Amino acid sequence: RCNGPKRTALHTEITTEKKEPPLTPPPVDNPGAGQNQTAGEVFCLLNSLTGAKTRPDQQALRAILERLADGYSQTELELVAEHRTDQLLNNAELAHMLAPNRLFAADSFGAYLVAANAWQKKRTQQAERVAAVEQQRQEPPAGDVPGIDFDDAFDRLLVEGLPPENPAEKSAWQHVQKYGFSAKDEDGARREWRVILTRAYAKTRGVEA
């Protein structure tokens, strides 16, 4: 099971003679125990990613411990596990490469880490782009063009179906006809309309039709 190491209780012999409590020695660092716990956590993550129920015995942990001893971090090992699982889990011919002794093998781990770092960088960039697009949809750019009655334009063009009064309104109206609004409610649509119309005015510089 993927649990932390068990602690054994220390029992002291009870005597009738009163004695001063023994001095407690300072804790001794045990890097090996810490490495075993870290390796177990990496192994359990791999199990959760693959859906496996393999027990984390010493044979299964050996390759992980060796990579930790080489100076690789737990984060790096887990990133490789996540990346390779994403690549191979649904590939019947290559899924066996997710076994710990293959995934963390010395001769291939460095290359796996390079690919995993590139994968993570790409994922981060994609998430940032999605967040930026969503923010742009919800917030108008700085410096609204003064004198725009957004609600009036929304009502005239999109509610009453009246014709645009200038090139900016025409451009904004055409954008909505082509792409619509991502919001499903009127308040959200009106917020998006502010962004669309502001950009249309900035693009056309508010030239009257």
N, C-alpha and C. Protein backbone atom coordinates (compact mmCIF):
# COMPACT_ATOMS: atom_id res chain seq x y z
N ARG A 1 0.84 -1.20 0.00
CA ARG A 1 0.00 0.00 0.00
C ARG A 1 0.86 1.24 0.00
N CYS A 2 0.36 2.34 -0.60
CA CYS A 2 1.15 3.56 -0.69
C CYS A 2 0.95 4.40 0.55
N ASN A 3 1.56 4.00 1.64
CA ASN A 3 1.50 4.75 2.88
C ASN A 3 2.91 5.08 3.32
N GLY A 4 3.03 5.99 4.26
CA GLY A 4 4.33 6.35 4.77
C GLY A 4 4.91 5.22 5.61
N PRO A 5 6.20 5.30 5.93
CA PRO A 5 6.85 4.24 6.70
C PRO A 5 6.26 4.14 8.09
N LYS A 6 6.12 2.91 8.61
CA LYS A 6 5.57 2.70 9.94
C LYS A 6 6.63 3.01 10.98
N ARG A 7 6.19 3.55 12.11
CA ARG A 7 7.10 3.82 13.21
C ARG A 7 6.94 2.74 14.27
N THR A 8 8.02 2.25 14.79
CA THR A 8 7.95 1.23 15.83
C THR A 8 8.02 1.91 17.18
N ALA A 9 7.20 1.48 18.11
CA ALA A 9 7.17 2.09 19.44
C ALA A 9 8.38 1.65 20.23
N LEU A 10 8.93 2.55 21.03
CA LEU A 10 10.07 2.24 21.89
C LEU A 10 9.55 1.98 23.29
N HIS A 11 9.93 0.84 23.88
CA HIS A 11 9.46 0.48 25.21
C HIS A 11 10.65 0.55 26.17
N THR A 12 10.45 1.16 27.33
CA THR A 12 11.50 1.21 28.34
C THR A 12 11.11 0.31 29.51
N GLU A 13 12.06 -0.31 30.07
CA GLU A 13 11.82 -1.23 31.18
C GLU A 13 11.49 -0.45 32.43
N ILE A 14 10.45 -0.85 33.16
CA ILE A 14 10.01 -0.14 34.37
C ILE A 14 10.65 -0.83 35.58
N THR A 15 11.32 -0.10 36.42
CA THR A 15 11.91 -0.64 37.65
C THR A 15 11.34 0.11 38.84
N THR A 16 11.45 -0.48 40.02
CA THR A 16 10.94 0.15 41.23
C THR A 16 11.88 1.24 41.72
N GLU A 17 13.12 1.18 41.26
CA GLU A 17 14.11 2.15 41.71
C GLU A 17 13.95 3.44 40.92
N LYS A 18 13.88 4.55 41.65
CA LYS A 18 13.73 5.84 40.99
C LYS A 18 15.04 6.26 40.36
N LYS A 19 14.98 6.62 39.15
CA LYS A 19 16.19 7.06 38.44
C LYS A 19 15.89 8.36 37.73
N GLU A 20 16.93 9.10 37.50
CA GLU A 20 16.79 10.30 36.70
C GLU A 20 16.45 9.90 35.26
N PRO A 21 15.56 10.63 34.61
CA PRO A 21 15.25 10.29 33.21
C PRO A 21 16.49 10.35 32.35
N PRO A 22 16.68 9.35 31.50
CA PRO A 22 17.89 9.33 30.66
C PRO A 22 17.90 10.51 29.69
N LEU A 23 19.07 10.95 29.39
CA LEU A 23 19.20 12.02 28.41
C LEU A 23 18.81 11.49 27.04
N THR A 24 18.05 12.28 26.34
CA THR A 24 17.62 11.89 24.99
C THR A 24 18.68 12.32 24.00
N PRO A 25 19.23 11.39 23.23
CA PRO A 25 20.26 11.78 22.26
C PRO A 25 19.65 12.61 21.16
N PRO A 26 20.42 13.50 20.58
CA PRO A 26 19.89 14.30 19.47
C PRO A 26 19.52 13.41 18.30
N PRO A 27 18.51 13.82 17.53
CA PRO A 27 18.12 12.99 16.38
C PRO A 27 19.26 12.86 15.38
N VAL A 28 19.38 11.69 14.84
CA VAL A 28 20.44 11.42 13.86
C VAL A 28 19.83 11.47 12.46
N ASP A 29 20.42 12.26 11.63
CA ASP A 29 19.92 12.33 10.26
C ASP A 29 20.02 10.96 9.61
N ASN A 30 18.97 10.60 8.90
CA ASN A 30 18.96 9.31 8.19
C ASN A 30 18.51 9.57 6.76
N PRO A 31 19.43 10.02 5.90
CA PRO A 31 19.06 10.33 4.52
C PRO A 31 18.42 9.15 3.81
N GLY A 32 18.84 7.95 4.15
CA GLY A 32 18.29 6.77 3.49
C GLY A 32 16.80 6.64 3.71
N ALA A 33 16.35 6.90 4.94
CA ALA A 33 14.92 6.80 5.23
C ALA A 33 14.14 7.84 4.45
N GLY A 34 14.70 9.05 4.39
CA GLY A 34 14.03 10.11 3.62
C GLY A 34 13.94 9.78 2.15
N GLN A 35 15.00 9.20 1.60
CA GLN A 35 14.99 8.81 0.18
C GLN A 35 13.97 7.72 -0.07
N ASN A 36 13.85 6.78 0.86
CA ASN A 36 12.86 5.71 0.70
C ASN A 36 11.45 6.26 0.69
N GLN A 37 11.19 7.24 1.56
CA GLN A 37 9.86 7.84 1.61
C GLN A 37 9.57 8.60 0.31
N THR A 38 10.56 9.36 -0.17
CA THR A 38 10.39 10.10 -1.41
C THR A 38 10.15 9.16 -2.58
N ALA A 39 10.93 8.08 -2.64
CA ALA A 39 10.75 7.10 -3.71
C ALA A 39 9.35 6.49 -3.64
N GLY A 40 8.88 6.23 -2.43
CA GLY A 40 7.53 5.69 -2.28
C GLY A 40 6.47 6.65 -2.78
N GLU A 41 6.66 7.94 -2.55
CA GLU A 41 5.69 8.93 -3.02
C GLU A 41 5.69 9.00 -4.55
N VAL A 42 6.86 8.95 -5.16
CA VAL A 42 6.94 8.94 -6.62
C VAL A 42 6.24 7.70 -7.17
N PHE A 43 6.51 6.57 -6.53
CA PHE A 43 5.91 5.31 -6.98
C PHE A 43 4.38 5.37 -6.87
N CYS A 44 3.88 5.92 -5.78
CA CYS A 44 2.43 6.01 -5.59
C CYS A 44 1.80 6.94 -6.61
N LEU A 45 2.49 8.01 -6.97
CA LEU A 45 1.97 8.90 -8.02
C LEU A 45 1.86 8.14 -9.33
N LEU A 46 2.90 7.38 -9.65
CA LEU A 46 2.87 6.58 -10.89
C LEU A 46 1.71 5.60 -10.86
N ASN A 47 1.50 4.97 -9.73
CA ASN A 47 0.36 4.06 -9.60
C ASN A 47 -0.96 4.77 -9.86
N SER A 48 -1.10 5.99 -9.30
CA SER A 48 -2.36 6.71 -9.48
C SER A 48 -2.55 7.15 -10.92
N LEU A 49 -1.47 7.45 -11.61
CA LEU A 49 -1.56 7.88 -13.01
C LEU A 49 -1.93 6.72 -13.93
N THR A 50 -1.40 5.57 -13.63
CA THR A 50 -1.61 4.41 -14.50
C THR A 50 -2.77 3.52 -14.06
N GLY A 51 -3.25 3.73 -12.85
CA GLY A 51 -4.31 2.88 -12.33
C GLY A 51 -3.80 1.54 -11.84
N ALA A 52 -2.49 1.40 -11.69
CA ALA A 52 -1.91 0.13 -11.24
C ALA A 52 -2.04 0.00 -9.72
N LYS A 53 -1.91 -1.20 -9.23
CA LYS A 53 -1.99 -1.48 -7.79
C LYS A 53 -0.75 -2.23 -7.32
N THR A 54 0.36 -1.97 -7.98
CA THR A 54 1.62 -2.65 -7.65
C THR A 54 2.11 -2.19 -6.28
N ARG A 55 2.62 -3.10 -5.49
CA ARG A 55 3.16 -2.75 -4.17
C ARG A 55 4.55 -2.13 -4.32
N PRO A 56 4.85 -1.10 -3.55
CA PRO A 56 6.15 -0.44 -3.67
C PRO A 56 7.25 -1.19 -2.92
N ASP A 57 7.62 -2.38 -3.42
CA ASP A 57 8.70 -3.13 -2.77
C ASP A 57 10.05 -2.59 -3.25
N GLN A 58 11.12 -3.10 -2.67
CA GLN A 58 12.45 -2.58 -2.96
C GLN A 58 12.84 -2.75 -4.43
N GLN A 59 12.41 -3.85 -5.02
CA GLN A 59 12.74 -4.07 -6.42
C GLN A 59 12.09 -3.00 -7.29
N ALA A 60 10.83 -2.68 -6.98
CA ALA A 60 10.12 -1.67 -7.76
C ALA A 60 10.69 -0.29 -7.52
N LEU A 61 11.22 -0.04 -6.33
CA LEU A 61 11.73 1.29 -5.97
C LEU A 61 13.18 1.50 -6.37
N ARG A 62 13.87 0.45 -6.76
CA ARG A 62 15.31 0.55 -6.97
C ARG A 62 15.68 1.64 -7.97
N ALA A 63 15.03 1.65 -9.13
CA ALA A 63 15.39 2.63 -10.16
C ALA A 63 15.10 4.04 -9.70
N ILE A 64 14.00 4.23 -8.96
CA ILE A 64 13.68 5.56 -8.44
C ILE A 64 14.74 6.02 -7.45
N LEU A 65 15.13 5.13 -6.55
CA LEU A 65 16.17 5.46 -5.57
C LEU A 65 17.49 5.80 -6.25
N GLU A 66 17.80 5.09 -7.31
CA GLU A 66 19.06 5.36 -8.02
C GLU A 66 19.04 6.74 -8.67
N ARG A 67 17.89 7.15 -9.22
CA ARG A 67 17.82 8.47 -9.84
C ARG A 67 17.87 9.58 -8.78
N LEU A 68 17.24 9.31 -7.64
CA LEU A 68 17.34 10.28 -6.54
C LEU A 68 18.79 10.41 -6.09
N ALA A 69 19.49 9.28 -6.03
CA ALA A 69 20.90 9.30 -5.65
C ALA A 69 21.76 10.03 -6.67
N ASP A 70 21.30 10.04 -7.93
CA ASP A 70 22.01 10.77 -8.98
C ASP A 70 21.83 12.27 -8.87
N GLY A 71 20.90 12.71 -8.00
CA GLY A 71 20.69 14.14 -7.82
C GLY A 71 19.41 14.68 -8.45
N TYR A 72 18.63 13.83 -9.09
CA TYR A 72 17.35 14.29 -9.63
C TYR A 72 16.37 14.51 -8.49
N SER A 73 15.49 15.49 -8.65
CA SER A 73 14.53 15.81 -7.60
C SER A 73 13.25 15.00 -7.74
N GLN A 74 12.48 14.98 -6.67
CA GLN A 74 11.19 14.31 -6.70
C GLN A 74 10.28 14.94 -7.76
N THR A 75 10.33 16.26 -7.86
CA THR A 75 9.51 16.96 -8.86
C THR A 75 9.86 16.52 -10.27
N GLU A 76 11.15 16.35 -10.55
CA GLU A 76 11.57 15.92 -11.88
C GLU A 76 11.11 14.50 -12.18
N LEU A 77 11.23 13.62 -11.21
CA LEU A 77 10.79 12.24 -11.42
C LEU A 77 9.28 12.18 -11.65
N GLU A 78 8.54 12.96 -10.88
CA GLU A 78 7.08 12.95 -11.03
C GLU A 78 6.65 13.58 -12.36
N LEU A 79 7.38 14.60 -12.81
CA LEU A 79 7.06 15.21 -14.10
C LEU A 79 7.27 14.20 -15.23
N VAL A 80 8.36 13.45 -15.18
CA VAL A 80 8.60 12.42 -16.18
C VAL A 80 7.49 11.38 -16.16
N ALA A 81 7.09 10.98 -14.95
CA ALA A 81 6.01 10.00 -14.83
C ALA A 81 4.72 10.52 -15.45
N GLU A 82 4.42 11.78 -15.20
CA GLU A 82 3.19 12.37 -15.74
C GLU A 82 3.25 12.46 -17.26
N HIS A 83 4.39 12.91 -17.78
CA HIS A 83 4.53 13.08 -19.23
C HIS A 83 4.48 11.74 -19.95
N ARG A 84 5.25 10.77 -19.47
CA ARG A 84 5.28 9.48 -20.16
C ARG A 84 3.93 8.76 -20.07
N THR A 85 3.24 8.93 -18.95
CA THR A 85 1.91 8.35 -18.84
C THR A 85 0.97 8.97 -19.86
N ASP A 86 1.06 10.28 -20.00
CA ASP A 86 0.22 10.97 -20.99
C ASP A 86 0.51 10.44 -22.40
N GLN A 87 1.76 10.10 -22.68
CA GLN A 87 2.14 9.62 -24.00
C GLN A 87 1.78 8.16 -24.24
N LEU A 88 1.96 7.32 -23.22
CA LEU A 88 1.98 5.87 -23.46
C LEU A 88 0.82 5.08 -22.87
N LEU A 89 0.08 5.66 -21.95
CA LEU A 89 -0.90 4.86 -21.21
C LEU A 89 -1.91 4.17 -22.13
N ASN A 90 -2.33 4.85 -23.19
CA ASN A 90 -3.34 4.29 -24.08
C ASN A 90 -2.74 3.61 -25.31
N ASN A 91 -1.43 3.40 -25.27
CA ASN A 91 -0.74 2.72 -26.36
C ASN A 91 -0.45 1.28 -25.92
N ALA A 92 -1.24 0.35 -26.43
CA ALA A 92 -1.13 -1.03 -25.97
C ALA A 92 0.27 -1.62 -26.20
N GLU A 93 0.95 -1.17 -27.24
CA GLU A 93 2.26 -1.73 -27.56
C GLU A 93 3.38 -1.16 -26.70
N LEU A 94 3.18 0.05 -26.17
CA LEU A 94 4.26 0.71 -25.44
C LEU A 94 3.95 0.97 -23.97
N ALA A 95 2.77 0.62 -23.52
CA ALA A 95 2.39 0.91 -22.13
C ALA A 95 3.32 0.22 -21.13
N HIS A 96 3.94 -0.89 -21.54
CA HIS A 96 4.84 -1.61 -20.62
C HIS A 96 6.06 -0.76 -20.27
N MET A 97 6.33 0.29 -21.07
CA MET A 97 7.46 1.17 -20.79
C MET A 97 7.22 2.04 -19.56
N LEU A 98 6.02 1.99 -19.01
CA LEU A 98 5.71 2.76 -17.81
C LEU A 98 6.11 2.02 -16.53
N ALA A 99 6.62 0.82 -16.67
CA ALA A 99 7.13 0.11 -15.49
C ALA A 99 8.28 0.91 -14.88
N PRO A 100 8.36 1.01 -13.54
CA PRO A 100 9.38 1.85 -12.91
C PRO A 100 10.80 1.56 -13.37
N ASN A 101 11.14 0.29 -13.57
CA ASN A 101 12.52 -0.04 -13.96
C ASN A 101 12.85 0.45 -15.37
N ARG A 102 11.83 0.68 -16.19
CA ARG A 102 12.05 1.23 -17.53
C ARG A 102 11.91 2.75 -17.53
N LEU A 103 10.90 3.23 -16.83
CA LEU A 103 10.62 4.67 -16.82
C LEU A 103 11.77 5.46 -16.21
N PHE A 104 12.38 4.91 -15.18
CA PHE A 104 13.44 5.62 -14.47
C PHE A 104 14.82 5.01 -14.71
N ALA A 105 14.96 4.29 -15.81
CA ALA A 105 16.25 3.67 -16.13
C ALA A 105 17.31 4.74 -16.39
N ALA A 106 18.54 4.45 -15.97
CA ALA A 106 19.61 5.44 -16.06
C ALA A 106 19.90 5.88 -17.50
N ASP A 107 19.83 4.95 -18.44
CA ASP A 107 20.24 5.26 -19.80
C ASP A 107 19.21 6.08 -20.58
N SER A 108 17.99 6.20 -20.06
CA SER A 108 16.96 6.92 -20.81
C SER A 108 16.33 8.07 -20.03
N PHE A 109 16.55 8.12 -18.71
CA PHE A 109 15.82 9.10 -17.91
C PHE A 109 16.16 10.54 -18.30
N GLY A 110 17.42 10.81 -18.61
CA GLY A 110 17.80 12.17 -18.98
C GLY A 110 17.03 12.68 -20.19
N ALA A 111 16.89 11.83 -21.21
CA ALA A 111 16.15 12.22 -22.41
C ALA A 111 14.67 12.39 -22.09
N TYR A 112 14.13 11.51 -21.23
CA TYR A 112 12.73 11.64 -20.83
C TYR A 112 12.49 12.98 -20.13
N LEU A 113 13.45 13.39 -19.30
CA LEU A 113 13.28 14.64 -18.55
C LEU A 113 13.31 15.84 -19.48
N VAL A 114 14.18 15.82 -20.48
CA VAL A 114 14.23 16.92 -21.45
C VAL A 114 12.86 17.06 -22.14
N ALA A 115 12.32 15.94 -22.58
CA ALA A 115 11.02 15.96 -23.27
C ALA A 115 9.91 16.41 -22.32
N ALA A 116 9.97 15.96 -21.06
CA ALA A 116 8.94 16.32 -20.09
C ALA A 116 8.97 17.81 -19.77
N ASN A 117 10.17 18.38 -19.68
CA ASN A 117 10.27 19.82 -19.42
C ASN A 117 9.70 20.63 -20.58
N ALA A 118 9.96 20.19 -21.80
CA ALA A 118 9.41 20.88 -22.97
C ALA A 118 7.89 20.77 -23.00
N TRP A 119 7.39 19.61 -22.63
CA TRP A 119 5.94 19.37 -22.56
C TRP A 119 5.28 20.28 -21.52
N GLN A 120 5.93 20.38 -20.36
CA GLN A 120 5.40 21.22 -19.29
C GLN A 120 5.41 22.70 -19.69
N LYS A 121 6.47 23.12 -20.36
CA LYS A 121 6.56 24.50 -20.81
C LYS A 121 5.44 24.82 -21.80
N LYS A 122 5.19 23.89 -22.70
CA LYS A 122 4.12 24.09 -23.69
C LYS A 122 2.77 24.16 -23.01
N ARG A 123 2.54 23.28 -22.06
CA ARG A 123 1.26 23.29 -21.33
C ARG A 123 1.06 24.62 -20.60
N THR A 124 2.14 25.11 -19.98
CA THR A 124 2.04 26.37 -19.25
C THR A 124 1.72 27.51 -20.19
N GLN A 125 2.38 27.54 -21.36
CA GLN A 125 2.12 28.60 -22.33
C GLN A 125 0.69 28.54 -22.85
N GLN A 126 0.19 27.34 -23.10
CA GLN A 126 -1.19 27.20 -23.57
C GLN A 126 -2.18 27.68 -22.52
N ALA A 127 -1.93 27.34 -21.26
CA ALA A 127 -2.82 27.78 -20.18
C ALA A 127 -2.80 29.30 -20.05
N GLU A 128 -1.62 29.89 -20.22
CA GLU A 128 -1.53 31.35 -20.13
C GLU A 128 -2.27 32.03 -21.28
N ARG A 129 -2.19 31.43 -22.48
CA ARG A 129 -2.90 32.01 -23.62
C ARG A 129 -4.41 31.93 -23.42
N VAL A 130 -4.88 30.79 -22.92
CA VAL A 130 -6.32 30.64 -22.68
C VAL A 130 -6.78 31.66 -21.64
N ALA A 131 -5.99 31.83 -20.58
CA ALA A 131 -6.35 32.79 -19.54
C ALA A 131 -6.37 34.21 -20.08
N ALA A 132 -5.40 34.53 -20.94
CA ALA A 132 -5.34 35.87 -21.51
C ALA A 132 -6.54 36.15 -22.41
N VAL A 133 -6.93 35.17 -23.23
CA VAL A 133 -8.09 35.33 -24.11
C VAL A 133 -9.35 35.53 -23.29
N GLU A 134 -9.49 34.76 -22.23
CA GLU A 134 -10.68 34.89 -21.39
C GLU A 134 -10.73 36.24 -20.71
N GLN A 135 -9.56 36.72 -20.26
CA GLN A 135 -9.52 38.04 -19.63
C GLN A 135 -9.89 39.13 -20.62
N GLN A 136 -9.40 38.99 -21.85
CA GLN A 136 -9.74 39.98 -22.87
C GLN A 136 -11.23 39.98 -23.19
N ARG A 137 -11.86 38.80 -23.11
CA ARG A 137 -13.29 38.72 -23.36
C ARG A 137 -14.09 39.44 -22.28
N GLN A 138 -13.57 39.40 -21.06
CA GLN A 138 -14.32 39.92 -19.92
C GLN A 138 -14.01 41.38 -19.60
N GLU A 139 -12.84 41.86 -19.98
CA GLU A 139 -12.44 43.21 -19.60
C GLU A 139 -12.10 44.04 -20.83
N PRO A 140 -12.62 45.26 -20.90
CA PRO A 140 -12.24 46.14 -22.01
C PRO A 140 -10.80 46.59 -21.86
N PRO A 141 -10.11 46.86 -22.94
CA PRO A 141 -8.73 47.34 -22.85
C PRO A 141 -8.67 48.69 -22.15
N ALA A 142 -7.50 49.00 -21.61
CA ALA A 142 -7.34 50.26 -20.90
C ALA A 142 -7.58 51.43 -21.85
N GLY A 143 -8.18 52.47 -21.30
CA GLY A 143 -8.38 53.67 -22.10
C GLY A 143 -9.56 53.56 -23.04
N ASP A 144 -10.76 53.36 -22.50
CA ASP A 144 -11.95 53.32 -23.35
C ASP A 144 -12.06 54.60 -24.17
N VAL A 145 -12.53 54.45 -25.38
CA VAL A 145 -12.77 55.64 -26.21
C VAL A 145 -13.90 56.43 -25.57
N PRO A 146 -13.68 57.70 -25.22
CA PRO A 146 -14.71 58.46 -24.53
C PRO A 146 -15.93 58.70 -25.42
N GLY A 147 -17.06 58.86 -24.78
CA GLY A 147 -18.26 59.24 -25.51
C GLY A 147 -19.03 58.10 -26.12
N ILE A 148 -18.68 56.84 -25.81
CA ILE A 148 -19.40 55.69 -26.38
C ILE A 148 -20.51 55.29 -25.42
N ASP A 149 -21.71 55.21 -25.93
CA ASP A 149 -22.82 54.69 -25.13
C ASP A 149 -22.99 53.22 -25.50
N PHE A 150 -22.31 52.36 -24.74
CA PHE A 150 -22.29 50.94 -25.07
C PHE A 150 -23.67 50.31 -25.01
N ASP A 151 -24.42 50.65 -23.96
CA ASP A 151 -25.75 50.04 -23.82
C ASP A 151 -26.69 50.49 -24.92
N ASP A 152 -26.61 51.75 -25.29
CA ASP A 152 -27.47 52.24 -26.37
C ASP A 152 -27.15 51.54 -27.68
N ALA A 153 -25.83 51.39 -27.96
CA ALA A 153 -25.44 50.71 -29.20
C ALA A 153 -25.86 49.25 -29.18
N PHE A 154 -25.72 48.61 -28.03
CA PHE A 154 -26.15 47.21 -27.88
C PHE A 154 -27.64 47.08 -28.18
N ASP A 155 -28.43 47.98 -27.59
CA ASP A 155 -29.89 47.91 -27.76
C ASP A 155 -30.28 48.18 -29.21
N ARG A 156 -29.66 49.22 -29.81
CA ARG A 156 -30.03 49.58 -31.18
C ARG A 156 -29.68 48.48 -32.17
N LEU A 157 -28.44 47.98 -32.06
CA LEU A 157 -27.94 47.05 -33.08
C LEU A 157 -28.40 45.62 -32.85
N LEU A 158 -28.41 45.19 -31.61
CA LEU A 158 -28.61 43.77 -31.34
C LEU A 158 -29.99 43.43 -30.79
N VAL A 159 -30.66 44.43 -30.21
CA VAL A 159 -32.00 44.17 -29.68
C VAL A 159 -33.08 44.65 -30.66
N GLU A 160 -32.91 45.91 -31.11
CA GLU A 160 -33.92 46.48 -32.01
C GLU A 160 -33.64 46.21 -33.48
N GLY A 161 -32.41 45.79 -33.79
CA GLY A 161 -32.07 45.47 -35.17
C GLY A 161 -31.92 46.68 -36.07
N LEU A 162 -31.60 47.85 -35.49
CA LEU A 162 -31.40 49.05 -36.28
C LEU A 162 -30.01 49.03 -36.93
N PRO A 163 -29.83 49.80 -38.02
CA PRO A 163 -28.53 49.78 -38.72
C PRO A 163 -27.46 50.51 -37.92
N PRO A 164 -26.19 50.14 -38.11
CA PRO A 164 -25.08 50.84 -37.44
C PRO A 164 -25.02 52.31 -37.83
N GLU A 165 -24.54 53.15 -36.93
CA GLU A 165 -24.47 54.58 -37.19
C GLU A 165 -23.09 55.02 -37.65
N ASN A 166 -22.09 54.17 -37.57
CA ASN A 166 -20.74 54.54 -38.01
C ASN A 166 -19.93 53.28 -38.28
N PRO A 167 -18.74 53.41 -38.87
CA PRO A 167 -17.93 52.23 -39.21
C PRO A 167 -17.56 51.36 -38.01
N ALA A 168 -17.34 51.99 -36.85
CA ALA A 168 -16.99 51.20 -35.67
C ALA A 168 -18.14 50.30 -35.25
N GLU A 169 -19.36 50.88 -35.22
CA GLU A 169 -20.51 50.06 -34.87
C GLU A 169 -20.73 48.95 -35.89
N LYS A 170 -20.50 49.27 -37.17
CA LYS A 170 -20.67 48.26 -38.21
C LYS A 170 -19.68 47.12 -38.02
N SER A 171 -18.43 47.47 -37.71
CA SER A 171 -17.40 46.46 -37.51
C SER A 171 -17.72 45.59 -36.31
N ALA A 172 -18.15 46.22 -35.21
CA ALA A 172 -18.50 45.47 -34.01
C ALA A 172 -19.71 44.57 -34.26
N TRP A 173 -20.69 45.08 -34.95
CA TRP A 173 -21.89 44.30 -35.26
C TRP A 173 -21.53 43.07 -36.10
N GLN A 174 -20.67 43.29 -37.13
CA GLN A 174 -20.25 42.18 -37.98
C GLN A 174 -19.49 41.12 -37.18
N HIS A 175 -18.68 41.58 -36.22
CA HIS A 175 -17.93 40.63 -35.37
C HIS A 175 -18.89 39.75 -34.60
N VAL A 176 -19.93 40.36 -34.02
CA VAL A 176 -20.90 39.59 -33.25
C VAL A 176 -21.68 38.64 -34.14
N GLN A 177 -22.03 39.09 -35.35
CA GLN A 177 -22.76 38.21 -36.25
C GLN A 177 -21.93 36.99 -36.63
N LYS A 178 -20.62 37.17 -36.70
CA LYS A 178 -19.74 36.08 -37.12
C LYS A 178 -19.37 35.16 -35.97
N TYR A 179 -19.06 35.74 -34.80
CA TYR A 179 -18.53 34.94 -33.70
C TYR A 179 -19.48 34.79 -32.52
N GLY A 180 -20.47 35.67 -32.43
CA GLY A 180 -21.39 35.62 -31.30
C GLY A 180 -20.71 36.03 -30.00
N PHE A 181 -21.37 35.71 -28.88
CA PHE A 181 -20.82 35.96 -27.55
C PHE A 181 -20.53 34.64 -26.87
N SER A 182 -19.46 34.60 -26.09
CA SER A 182 -19.18 33.38 -25.32
C SER A 182 -20.09 33.30 -24.10
N ALA A 183 -20.53 34.46 -23.59
CA ALA A 183 -21.42 34.48 -22.42
C ALA A 183 -22.82 34.00 -22.82
N LYS A 184 -23.48 33.36 -21.89
CA LYS A 184 -24.83 32.85 -22.14
C LYS A 184 -25.92 33.75 -21.55
N ASP A 185 -25.51 34.78 -20.80
CA ASP A 185 -26.49 35.68 -20.20
C ASP A 185 -26.29 37.09 -20.74
N GLU A 186 -27.30 37.94 -20.56
CA GLU A 186 -27.25 39.28 -21.14
C GLU A 186 -26.16 40.14 -20.51
N ASP A 187 -26.00 40.05 -19.19
CA ASP A 187 -24.97 40.86 -18.54
C ASP A 187 -23.58 40.51 -19.07
N GLY A 188 -23.32 39.22 -19.21
CA GLY A 188 -22.03 38.81 -19.76
C GLY A 188 -21.85 39.26 -21.19
N ALA A 189 -22.92 39.18 -21.99
CA ALA A 189 -22.85 39.60 -23.38
C ALA A 189 -22.58 41.10 -23.47
N ARG A 190 -23.20 41.88 -22.59
CA ARG A 190 -22.97 43.33 -22.62
C ARG A 190 -21.53 43.67 -22.23
N ARG A 191 -20.96 42.89 -21.31
CA ARG A 191 -19.54 43.12 -20.97
C ARG A 191 -18.65 42.82 -22.16
N GLU A 192 -18.92 41.73 -22.88
CA GLU A 192 -18.14 41.41 -24.07
C GLU A 192 -18.33 42.48 -25.15
N TRP A 193 -19.55 42.99 -25.24
CA TRP A 193 -19.84 44.02 -26.24
C TRP A 193 -18.99 45.27 -26.00
N ARG A 194 -18.75 45.64 -24.76
CA ARG A 194 -17.89 46.79 -24.45
C ARG A 194 -16.50 46.58 -25.04
N VAL A 195 -15.98 45.37 -24.88
CA VAL A 195 -14.64 45.07 -25.41
C VAL A 195 -14.65 45.16 -26.94
N ILE A 196 -15.64 44.52 -27.54
CA ILE A 196 -15.71 44.47 -29.01
C ILE A 196 -15.87 45.86 -29.60
N LEU A 197 -16.79 46.65 -29.03
CA LEU A 197 -17.04 47.98 -29.60
C LEU A 197 -15.87 48.92 -29.33
N THR A 198 -15.25 48.82 -28.18
CA THR A 198 -14.08 49.66 -27.88
C THR A 198 -12.97 49.41 -28.88
N ARG A 199 -12.72 48.13 -29.17
CA ARG A 199 -11.66 47.81 -30.15
C ARG A 199 -12.04 48.28 -31.54
N ALA A 200 -13.31 48.17 -31.86
CA ALA A 200 -13.75 48.63 -33.18
C ALA A 200 -13.54 50.13 -33.32
N TYR A 201 -13.84 50.89 -32.27
CA TYR A 201 -13.61 52.34 -32.30
C TYR A 201 -12.11 52.65 -32.39
N ALA A 202 -11.31 51.89 -31.64
CA ALA A 202 -9.86 52.12 -31.69
C ALA A 202 -9.32 51.83 -33.08
N LYS A 203 -9.89 50.81 -33.73
CA LYS A 203 -9.42 50.43 -35.06
C LYS A 203 -9.85 51.44 -36.12
N THR A 204 -11.08 51.88 -36.04
CA THR A 204 -11.60 52.81 -37.06
C THR A 204 -11.42 54.26 -36.66
N ARG A 205 -10.95 54.49 -35.41
CA ARG A 205 -10.74 55.83 -34.87
C ARG A 205 -12.03 56.64 -34.86
N GLY A 206 -13.13 55.92 -34.75
CA GLY A 206 -14.40 56.59 -34.57
C GLY A 206 -14.83 57.46 -35.73
N VAL A 207 -14.37 57.11 -36.91
CA VAL A 207 -14.76 57.91 -38.07
C VAL A 207 -16.25 57.73 -38.33
N GLU A 208 -16.96 58.80 -38.47
CA GLU A 208 -18.39 58.72 -38.70
C GLU A 208 -18.68 58.18 -40.09
N ALA A 209 -19.76 57.43 -40.21
CA ALA A 209 -20.15 56.88 -41.50
C ALA A 209 -20.68 58.00 -42.39
